[in-house]
Amino acid sequence: MIRIFIDGTEQQASAGERLIDAINRAGLALPQVCYHPQLGPIQTCDTCIVGVSGKLVRACAARPFSPAPESAFAPE
């Protein structure tokens, strides 16, 4: 498991899972129009954009990394 921080709250993510799945498991609201766990990231709608260490990325395509700085993942 990888320790990540979402909006300043510590969460656990599995190695290789998508950031959007960790956000959904944490019960946080994040728009996601084109993502479905069984289909994978389509990366066309850009509704799941989040800030990761100062960069904007699609949560459907990004994977958590370790070590992740505190407050690394935040919905924009």
N, C-alpha and C. Protein backbone atom coordinates (compact mmCIF):
# COMPACT_ATOMS: atom_id res chain seq x y z
N MET A 1 0.84 -1.19 0.00
CA MET A 1 0.00 0.00 0.00
C MET A 1 0.88 1.24 0.00
N ILE A 2 0.40 2.26 -0.66
CA ILE A 2 1.09 3.54 -0.73
C ILE A 2 0.31 4.55 0.10
N ARG A 3 1.00 5.30 0.92
CA ARG A 3 0.37 6.35 1.74
C ARG A 3 0.30 7.62 0.90
N ILE A 4 -0.93 8.13 0.71
CA ILE A 4 -1.13 9.37 -0.04
C ILE A 4 -1.97 10.33 0.80
N PHE A 5 -1.97 11.58 0.41
CA PHE A 5 -2.78 12.59 1.07
C PHE A 5 -3.73 13.20 0.06
N ILE A 6 -5.01 13.19 0.39
CA ILE A 6 -6.05 13.79 -0.45
C ILE A 6 -6.70 14.89 0.36
N ASP A 7 -6.57 16.11 -0.10
CA ASP A 7 -7.08 17.28 0.63
C ASP A 7 -6.58 17.29 2.08
N GLY A 8 -5.33 16.89 2.28
CA GLY A 8 -4.72 16.92 3.60
C GLY A 8 -5.05 15.73 4.49
N THR A 9 -5.86 14.80 3.99
CA THR A 9 -6.24 13.62 4.76
C THR A 9 -5.47 12.41 4.24
N GLU A 10 -4.85 11.67 5.16
CA GLU A 10 -4.09 10.50 4.74
C GLU A 10 -5.01 9.38 4.28
N GLN A 11 -4.68 8.80 3.14
CA GLN A 11 -5.42 7.67 2.58
C GLN A 11 -4.41 6.61 2.15
N GLN A 12 -4.89 5.42 1.86
CA GLN A 12 -4.05 4.35 1.36
C GLN A 12 -4.44 4.05 -0.08
N ALA A 13 -3.44 3.82 -0.91
CA ALA A 13 -3.68 3.45 -2.30
C ALA A 13 -2.88 2.20 -2.62
N SER A 14 -3.44 1.37 -3.46
CA SER A 14 -2.72 0.17 -3.89
C SER A 14 -1.74 0.56 -4.99
N ALA A 15 -0.63 -0.12 -5.02
CA ALA A 15 0.35 0.13 -6.07
C ALA A 15 -0.29 -0.13 -7.43
N GLY A 16 -0.17 0.81 -8.33
CA GLY A 16 -0.70 0.66 -9.67
C GLY A 16 -2.13 1.09 -9.88
N GLU A 17 -2.87 1.37 -8.81
CA GLU A 17 -4.26 1.80 -9.02
C GLU A 17 -4.31 3.25 -9.48
N ARG A 18 -5.40 3.62 -10.09
CA ARG A 18 -5.57 5.00 -10.56
C ARG A 18 -5.97 5.90 -9.39
N LEU A 19 -5.54 7.13 -9.47
CA LEU A 19 -5.83 8.10 -8.43
C LEU A 19 -7.34 8.29 -8.26
N ILE A 20 -8.08 8.27 -9.34
CA ILE A 20 -9.53 8.46 -9.26
C ILE A 20 -10.19 7.35 -8.43
N ASP A 21 -9.65 6.14 -8.49
CA ASP A 21 -10.21 5.04 -7.69
C ASP A 21 -9.95 5.27 -6.20
N ALA A 22 -8.78 5.79 -5.86
CA ALA A 22 -8.47 6.11 -4.46
C ALA A 22 -9.37 7.23 -3.96
N ILE A 23 -9.60 8.23 -4.80
CA ILE A 23 -10.48 9.35 -4.43
C ILE A 23 -11.91 8.85 -4.23
N ASN A 24 -12.39 8.01 -5.12
CA ASN A 24 -13.74 7.45 -4.99
C ASN A 24 -13.87 6.60 -3.73
N ARG A 25 -12.88 5.78 -3.44
CA ARG A 25 -12.92 4.93 -2.25
C ARG A 25 -12.95 5.77 -0.98
N ALA A 26 -12.30 6.95 -1.02
CA ALA A 26 -12.29 7.85 0.14
C ALA A 26 -13.63 8.56 0.30
N GLY A 27 -14.53 8.43 -0.68
CA GLY A 27 -15.85 9.04 -0.59
C GLY A 27 -15.87 10.52 -0.91
N LEU A 28 -14.85 10.99 -1.60
CA LEU A 28 -14.79 12.41 -1.95
C LEU A 28 -15.49 12.67 -3.27
N ALA A 29 -16.11 13.83 -3.37
CA ALA A 29 -16.81 14.20 -4.60
C ALA A 29 -15.81 14.68 -5.63
N LEU A 30 -15.80 14.05 -6.80
CA LEU A 30 -14.96 14.46 -7.91
C LEU A 30 -15.72 14.16 -9.19
N PRO A 31 -16.00 15.18 -10.01
CA PRO A 31 -16.72 14.93 -11.26
C PRO A 31 -15.95 13.94 -12.13
N GLN A 32 -16.69 13.06 -12.79
CA GLN A 32 -16.07 12.08 -13.70
C GLN A 32 -17.10 11.64 -14.72
N VAL A 33 -17.05 12.24 -15.87
CA VAL A 33 -18.04 11.98 -16.90
C VAL A 33 -17.69 10.74 -17.73
N CYS A 34 -16.44 10.59 -18.13
CA CYS A 34 -16.10 9.52 -19.07
C CYS A 34 -15.38 8.34 -18.43
N TYR A 35 -15.21 8.32 -17.11
CA TYR A 35 -14.45 7.23 -16.48
C TYR A 35 -15.37 6.16 -15.91
N HIS A 36 -15.02 4.93 -16.17
CA HIS A 36 -15.67 3.78 -15.53
C HIS A 36 -14.57 2.79 -15.20
N PRO A 37 -14.54 2.25 -13.97
CA PRO A 37 -13.45 1.37 -13.55
C PRO A 37 -13.19 0.18 -14.49
N GLN A 38 -14.24 -0.35 -15.10
CA GLN A 38 -14.06 -1.51 -15.97
C GLN A 38 -13.60 -1.13 -17.38
N LEU A 39 -13.71 0.15 -17.73
CA LEU A 39 -13.29 0.59 -19.05
C LEU A 39 -11.93 1.28 -19.04
N GLY A 40 -11.53 1.77 -17.88
CA GLY A 40 -10.27 2.49 -17.79
C GLY A 40 -10.43 3.93 -18.22
N PRO A 41 -9.32 4.66 -18.26
CA PRO A 41 -9.40 6.08 -18.60
C PRO A 41 -9.58 6.31 -20.10
N ILE A 42 -10.56 7.11 -20.42
CA ILE A 42 -10.78 7.51 -21.81
C ILE A 42 -10.05 8.82 -22.08
N GLN A 43 -9.93 9.64 -21.05
CA GLN A 43 -9.18 10.90 -21.06
C GLN A 43 -9.67 11.90 -22.11
N THR A 44 -10.97 12.07 -22.20
CA THR A 44 -11.50 13.03 -23.17
C THR A 44 -12.28 14.17 -22.54
N CYS A 45 -12.82 14.01 -21.34
CA CYS A 45 -13.73 15.03 -20.82
C CYS A 45 -13.05 16.04 -19.90
N ASP A 46 -11.94 15.69 -19.29
CA ASP A 46 -11.19 16.58 -18.39
C ASP A 46 -11.98 17.05 -17.17
N THR A 47 -13.03 16.33 -16.77
CA THR A 47 -13.78 16.74 -15.58
C THR A 47 -13.11 16.28 -14.29
N CYS A 48 -12.17 15.36 -14.37
CA CYS A 48 -11.54 14.82 -13.16
C CYS A 48 -10.15 15.43 -12.92
N ILE A 49 -9.92 16.61 -13.41
CA ILE A 49 -8.63 17.28 -13.24
C ILE A 49 -8.38 17.57 -11.75
N VAL A 50 -7.20 17.19 -11.28
CA VAL A 50 -6.78 17.45 -9.90
C VAL A 50 -5.37 18.01 -9.91
N GLY A 51 -5.01 18.65 -8.81
CA GLY A 51 -3.65 19.15 -8.65
C GLY A 51 -2.79 18.10 -7.97
N VAL A 52 -1.67 17.77 -8.57
CA VAL A 52 -0.72 16.81 -8.00
C VAL A 52 0.64 17.49 -7.95
N SER A 53 1.06 17.82 -6.75
CA SER A 53 2.37 18.47 -6.55
C SER A 53 2.55 19.67 -7.47
N GLY A 54 1.51 20.49 -7.58
CA GLY A 54 1.59 21.72 -8.35
C GLY A 54 1.27 21.59 -9.83
N LYS A 55 0.97 20.40 -10.30
CA LYS A 55 0.63 20.19 -11.71
C LYS A 55 -0.81 19.71 -11.81
N LEU A 56 -1.50 20.10 -12.88
CA LEU A 56 -2.86 19.62 -13.13
C LEU A 56 -2.78 18.34 -13.95
N VAL A 57 -3.44 17.30 -13.46
CA VAL A 57 -3.46 16.02 -14.15
C VAL A 57 -4.87 15.44 -14.12
N ARG A 58 -5.12 14.50 -15.01
CA ARG A 58 -6.40 13.78 -14.99
C ARG A 58 -6.31 12.69 -13.93
N ALA A 59 -7.22 12.69 -12.99
CA ALA A 59 -7.21 11.67 -11.93
C ALA A 59 -7.47 10.28 -12.49
N CYS A 60 -8.15 10.21 -13.64
CA CYS A 60 -8.45 8.90 -14.23
C CYS A 60 -7.19 8.23 -14.80
N ALA A 61 -6.18 9.02 -15.11
CA ALA A 61 -4.96 8.47 -15.72
C ALA A 61 -3.78 8.47 -14.76
N ALA A 62 -3.80 9.34 -13.74
CA ALA A 62 -2.67 9.45 -12.81
C ALA A 62 -2.67 8.30 -11.83
N ARG A 63 -1.47 7.90 -11.46
CA ARG A 63 -1.32 6.85 -10.46
C ARG A 63 -0.57 7.42 -9.27
N PRO A 64 -1.02 7.09 -8.07
CA PRO A 64 -0.32 7.58 -6.87
C PRO A 64 1.12 7.12 -6.86
N PHE A 65 1.97 7.93 -6.26
CA PHE A 65 3.37 7.58 -6.16
C PHE A 65 3.80 7.74 -4.71
N SER A 66 4.91 7.17 -4.38
CA SER A 66 5.41 7.24 -3.02
C SER A 66 6.87 7.65 -3.06
N PRO A 67 7.32 8.54 -2.21
CA PRO A 67 6.52 9.23 -1.21
C PRO A 67 5.77 10.40 -1.81
N ALA A 68 4.53 10.58 -1.41
CA ALA A 68 3.72 11.70 -1.89
C ALA A 68 3.73 12.80 -0.84
N PRO A 69 4.03 14.03 -1.24
CA PRO A 69 4.02 15.11 -0.26
C PRO A 69 2.62 15.35 0.29
N GLU A 70 2.54 15.84 1.51
CA GLU A 70 1.24 16.11 2.12
C GLU A 70 0.44 17.07 1.26
N SER A 71 -0.85 16.85 1.17
CA SER A 71 -1.77 17.65 0.36
C SER A 71 -1.40 17.60 -1.12
N ALA A 72 -0.86 16.49 -1.57
CA ALA A 72 -0.43 16.37 -2.97
C ALA A 72 -1.61 16.32 -3.93
N PHE A 73 -2.73 15.71 -3.52
CA PHE A 73 -3.85 15.53 -4.42
C PHE A 73 -5.03 16.37 -3.95
N ALA A 74 -5.45 17.28 -4.78
CA ALA A 74 -6.56 18.14 -4.41
C ALA A 74 -7.40 18.45 -5.63
N PRO A 75 -8.71 18.22 -5.58
CA PRO A 75 -9.57 18.60 -6.71
C PRO A 75 -9.44 20.09 -6.98
N GLU A 76 -9.31 20.44 -8.22
CA GLU A 76 -9.16 21.85 -8.61
C GLU A 76 -10.50 22.42 -9.02
